[in-house]
């Protein structure tokens, strides 16, 4: 009886779950922080574009087709020669992926959603908001840090593509290069100044800034992972 009580007390004294919980929370906060820093770096780059561009950062729009009911878009650049929708990724390692796969890999192990499928949803959301007139002016860009190496479909690195994988430091240069390619086929701007301003206003006005809704969106995505 005495031995039974002794071992029972020892067993109760061993508590590992709070340590694991604290570690997981710290790891999650670090991941979020890295993502925010990556988006901030992109925002700084985009702020240096000339006045003919309009830039929106960290946009949350209603989108019933999404799992959470919302679409969170890292960056949108409105240009006379297209609407650039930019998804940022802050991974480290080798990125494996191609158009036919819904899941991509980091270092052959960690799975994440094909970012172009993700961005397709973002673009569909914006198209619904701005109307069908501008449906053919979108360019999908996925930006990774220089800590990555690409083992992806080669077409993603060709400037002629409407889906581009780039390093974050290449962003503004890529936008300029892509515009130059578009200009060769379309000497006249695809969007007038008024159309750019109208699109900017529509997106900005629809943007949800309430923290409770934004948190709910993130929590919903986490619960479905």
Protein backbone atom coordinates (compact mmCIF):
# COMPACT_ATOMS: atom_id res chain seq x y z
CA UNK A 1 0.00 0.00 0.00
CA UNK A 2 2.82 2.34 0.96
CA UNK A 3 4.75 1.59 -2.28
CA UNK A 4 1.62 2.15 -4.34
CA UNK A 5 1.12 5.62 -2.86
CA UNK A 6 4.80 6.46 -3.30
CA UNK A 7 4.84 5.62 -7.02
CA UNK A 8 1.51 7.35 -7.49
CA UNK A 9 2.91 10.62 -6.12
CA UNK A 10 6.00 10.40 -8.28
CA UNK A 11 3.89 9.86 -11.37
CA UNK A 12 1.76 12.92 -10.66
CA UNK A 13 4.80 15.13 -10.19
CA UNK A 14 5.94 14.58 -13.77
CA UNK A 15 4.22 17.24 -15.92
CA UNK A 16 5.54 17.77 -19.43
CA UNK A 17 2.54 19.19 -21.27
CA UNK A 18 2.93 22.84 -20.11
CA UNK A 19 6.53 22.81 -21.38
CA UNK A 20 5.43 21.46 -24.76
CA UNK A 21 2.61 23.97 -24.94
CA UNK A 22 4.96 26.85 -24.17
CA UNK A 23 7.44 25.60 -26.77
CA UNK A 24 4.75 25.25 -29.44
CA UNK A 25 3.38 28.72 -28.72
CA UNK A 26 6.86 30.23 -28.90
CA UNK A 27 7.54 28.39 -32.17
CA UNK A 28 4.22 29.58 -33.61
CA UNK A 29 4.92 33.19 -32.60
CA UNK A 30 8.38 32.98 -34.20
CA UNK A 31 6.86 31.69 -37.44
CA UNK A 32 4.28 34.49 -37.47
CA UNK A 33 6.99 37.04 -36.73
CA UNK A 34 9.14 35.80 -39.63
CA UNK A 35 6.15 36.00 -41.95
CA UNK A 36 5.42 39.56 -40.86
CA UNK A 37 9.05 40.57 -41.41
CA UNK A 38 8.97 39.05 -44.91
CA UNK A 39 5.83 41.00 -45.79
CA UNK A 40 7.32 44.16 -44.30
CA UNK A 41 10.41 43.85 -46.51
CA UNK A 42 8.16 43.56 -49.57
CA UNK A 43 6.06 46.55 -48.43
CA UNK A 44 9.22 48.67 -48.19
CA UNK A 45 10.22 47.70 -51.73
CA UNK A 46 6.79 48.47 -53.13
CA UNK A 47 6.65 51.85 -51.39
CA UNK A 48 9.53 52.93 -53.64
CA UNK A 49 7.52 52.48 -56.84
CA UNK A 50 6.58 55.67 -58.69
CA UNK A 51 3.24 57.47 -58.24
CA UNK A 52 1.65 55.83 -61.27
CA UNK A 53 1.38 52.65 -59.19
CA UNK A 54 -1.08 52.00 -56.38
CA UNK A 55 -0.12 49.50 -53.69
CA UNK A 56 -2.19 47.68 -51.08
CA UNK A 57 -0.68 45.52 -48.33
CA UNK A 58 -2.20 42.86 -46.05
CA UNK A 59 -5.73 42.89 -47.42
CA UNK A 60 -8.57 40.76 -46.00
CA UNK A 61 -11.59 40.50 -48.29
CA UNK A 62 -14.89 38.60 -47.94
CA UNK A 63 -14.79 35.49 -50.12
CA UNK A 64 -17.48 32.83 -49.52
CA UNK A 65 -15.62 30.17 -51.51
CA UNK A 66 -12.65 30.20 -49.11
CA UNK A 67 -12.53 27.87 -46.07
CA UNK A 68 -12.74 30.77 -43.64
CA UNK A 69 -15.08 32.88 -45.73
CA UNK A 70 -12.28 35.39 -46.35
CA UNK A 71 -9.28 35.83 -48.62
CA UNK A 72 -6.11 37.31 -47.12
CA UNK A 73 -3.84 38.82 -49.73
CA UNK A 74 -0.28 39.87 -48.92
CA UNK A 75 0.21 42.56 -51.58
CA UNK A 76 -1.57 44.01 -54.62
CA UNK A 77 0.12 46.35 -57.10
CA UNK A 78 -2.10 48.24 -59.51
CA UNK A 79 -0.18 49.25 -62.63
CA UNK A 80 -1.17 50.65 -66.03
CA UNK A 81 0.00 47.30 -67.45
CA UNK A 82 -1.55 44.86 -65.03
CA UNK A 83 -2.65 43.93 -61.53
CA UNK A 84 0.12 42.11 -59.69
CA UNK A 85 -1.10 39.86 -56.87
CA UNK A 86 1.79 38.85 -54.64
CA UNK A 87 1.98 35.97 -52.16
CA UNK A 88 5.02 35.96 -49.87
CA UNK A 89 6.63 32.83 -48.40
CA UNK A 90 9.29 32.89 -45.73
CA UNK A 91 10.63 29.33 -45.98
CA UNK A 92 14.21 28.11 -45.81
CA UNK A 93 15.44 25.26 -47.99
CA UNK A 94 14.76 23.70 -51.37
CA UNK A 95 11.30 24.31 -52.84
CA UNK A 96 9.84 21.48 -54.94
CA UNK A 97 6.70 22.09 -56.99
CA UNK A 98 4.94 22.10 -60.34
CA UNK A 99 1.53 23.20 -61.70
CA UNK A 100 -0.08 19.76 -61.47
CA UNK A 101 0.53 19.32 -57.74
CA UNK A 102 -1.77 20.86 -55.12
CA UNK A 103 0.87 20.29 -52.44
CA UNK A 104 4.47 21.50 -52.71
CA UNK A 105 7.43 20.55 -50.54
CA UNK A 106 10.22 22.25 -48.63
CA UNK A 107 13.34 20.06 -48.47
CA UNK A 108 11.25 17.12 -49.68
CA UNK A 109 9.49 16.87 -46.28
CA UNK A 110 7.35 19.81 -45.20
CA UNK A 111 4.14 20.15 -47.25
CA UNK A 112 2.43 23.42 -48.09
CA UNK A 113 -0.34 24.40 -50.49
CA UNK A 114 0.68 25.13 -54.06
CA UNK A 115 1.05 28.93 -53.70
CA UNK A 116 -0.36 29.53 -57.16
CA UNK A 117 -3.54 27.66 -56.22
CA UNK A 118 -3.65 29.91 -53.16
CA UNK A 119 -3.08 33.01 -55.27
CA UNK A 120 -5.68 31.84 -57.79
CA UNK A 121 -8.26 32.17 -55.03
CA UNK A 122 -6.97 35.64 -54.18
CA UNK A 123 -7.21 36.74 -57.80
CA UNK A 124 -10.72 35.27 -58.18
CA UNK A 125 -11.78 37.25 -55.12
CA UNK A 126 -10.41 40.52 -56.55
CA UNK A 127 -11.96 39.81 -59.97
CA UNK A 128 -15.36 39.43 -58.36
CA UNK A 129 -14.87 42.74 -56.60
CA UNK A 130 -13.64 44.85 -59.55
CA UNK A 131 -15.83 43.24 -62.25
CA UNK A 132 -15.20 41.27 -65.48
CA UNK A 133 -13.77 44.18 -67.47
CA UNK A 134 -10.29 43.66 -66.02
CA UNK A 135 -10.29 39.86 -65.84
CA UNK A 136 -7.30 39.44 -68.20
CA UNK A 137 -4.84 41.86 -66.59
CA UNK A 138 -3.75 39.79 -63.57
CA UNK A 139 -0.22 38.52 -62.91
CA UNK A 140 0.34 36.04 -60.10
CA UNK A 141 3.67 36.35 -58.26
CA UNK A 142 5.00 34.18 -55.43
CA UNK A 143 7.96 35.65 -53.57
CA UNK A 144 10.46 33.58 -51.56
CA UNK A 145 13.46 34.72 -49.54
CA UNK A 146 17.03 34.16 -50.71
CA UNK A 147 17.26 31.35 -48.16
CA UNK A 148 15.47 29.16 -50.72
CA UNK A 149 16.56 27.20 -53.77
CA UNK A 150 14.01 26.49 -56.49
CA UNK A 151 13.42 22.99 -57.87
CA UNK A 152 10.18 24.00 -59.55
CA UNK A 153 8.74 24.01 -63.05
CA UNK A 154 11.06 26.14 -65.21
CA UNK A 155 8.15 28.10 -66.69
CA UNK A 156 7.70 29.89 -63.35
CA UNK A 157 11.03 31.68 -63.85
CA UNK A 158 10.27 32.87 -67.39
CA UNK A 159 9.17 36.50 -67.53
CA UNK A 160 6.63 35.71 -70.28
CA UNK A 161 4.57 33.64 -67.82
CA UNK A 162 1.55 35.03 -65.97
CA UNK A 163 2.67 32.97 -62.94
CA UNK A 164 6.10 33.89 -61.64
CA UNK A 165 8.31 32.61 -58.82
CA UNK A 166 10.86 35.16 -57.64
CA UNK A 167 13.19 36.00 -54.79
CA UNK A 168 11.94 38.89 -52.67
CA UNK A 169 14.86 41.11 -53.72
CA UNK A 170 13.78 40.72 -57.37
CA UNK A 171 10.25 42.01 -56.94
CA UNK A 172 10.34 45.57 -58.25
CA UNK A 173 12.70 44.56 -61.05
CA UNK A 174 10.34 41.72 -62.01
CA UNK A 175 7.35 44.07 -62.14
CA UNK A 176 9.26 46.41 -64.47
CA UNK A 177 10.44 43.55 -66.68
CA UNK A 178 6.96 42.07 -66.88
CA UNK A 179 5.51 45.44 -67.85
CA UNK A 180 8.10 45.75 -70.63
CA UNK A 181 7.02 42.37 -72.04
CA UNK A 182 3.34 43.37 -71.88
CA UNK A 183 4.09 46.69 -73.60
CA UNK A 184 5.52 44.84 -76.60
CA UNK A 185 2.11 43.24 -77.20
CA UNK A 186 0.00 46.12 -75.91
CA UNK A 187 1.58 49.56 -76.55
CA UNK A 188 -1.45 51.21 -74.95
CA UNK A 189 -1.92 50.83 -71.16
CA UNK A 190 -4.31 48.08 -70.07
CA UNK A 191 -5.69 50.27 -67.28
CA UNK A 192 -6.32 54.00 -67.27
CA UNK A 193 -5.48 56.16 -64.28
CA UNK A 194 -9.18 56.35 -63.41
CA UNK A 195 -9.55 52.57 -63.57
CA UNK A 196 -6.53 52.14 -61.30
CA UNK A 197 -8.02 54.57 -58.78
CA UNK A 198 -11.41 52.86 -58.98
CA UNK A 199 -9.87 49.43 -58.35
CA UNK A 200 -7.81 50.80 -55.48
CA UNK A 201 -10.90 52.32 -53.85
CA UNK A 202 -12.98 49.15 -54.27
CA UNK A 203 -10.32 46.96 -52.66
CA UNK A 204 -9.46 49.45 -49.91
CA UNK A 205 -13.11 49.94 -48.97
CA UNK A 206 -13.78 46.19 -48.87
CA UNK A 207 -10.68 45.52 -46.76
CA UNK A 208 -11.58 44.21 -43.31
CA UNK A 209 -9.50 45.78 -40.53
CA UNK A 210 -11.36 44.46 -37.47
CA UNK A 211 -8.89 42.45 -35.41
CA UNK A 212 -11.53 39.98 -34.19
CA UNK A 213 -12.47 38.98 -37.74
CA UNK A 214 -8.83 38.75 -38.79
CA UNK A 215 -8.04 36.52 -35.82
CA UNK A 216 -11.08 34.36 -36.55
CA UNK A 217 -9.87 33.95 -40.14
CA UNK A 218 -6.42 32.79 -38.99
CA UNK A 219 -7.83 30.48 -36.31
CA UNK A 220 -10.20 28.89 -38.83
CA UNK A 221 -7.34 28.16 -41.23
CA UNK A 222 -5.27 26.62 -38.43
CA UNK A 223 -8.14 24.39 -37.30
CA UNK A 224 -8.55 23.02 -40.84
CA UNK A 225 -4.82 22.31 -41.43
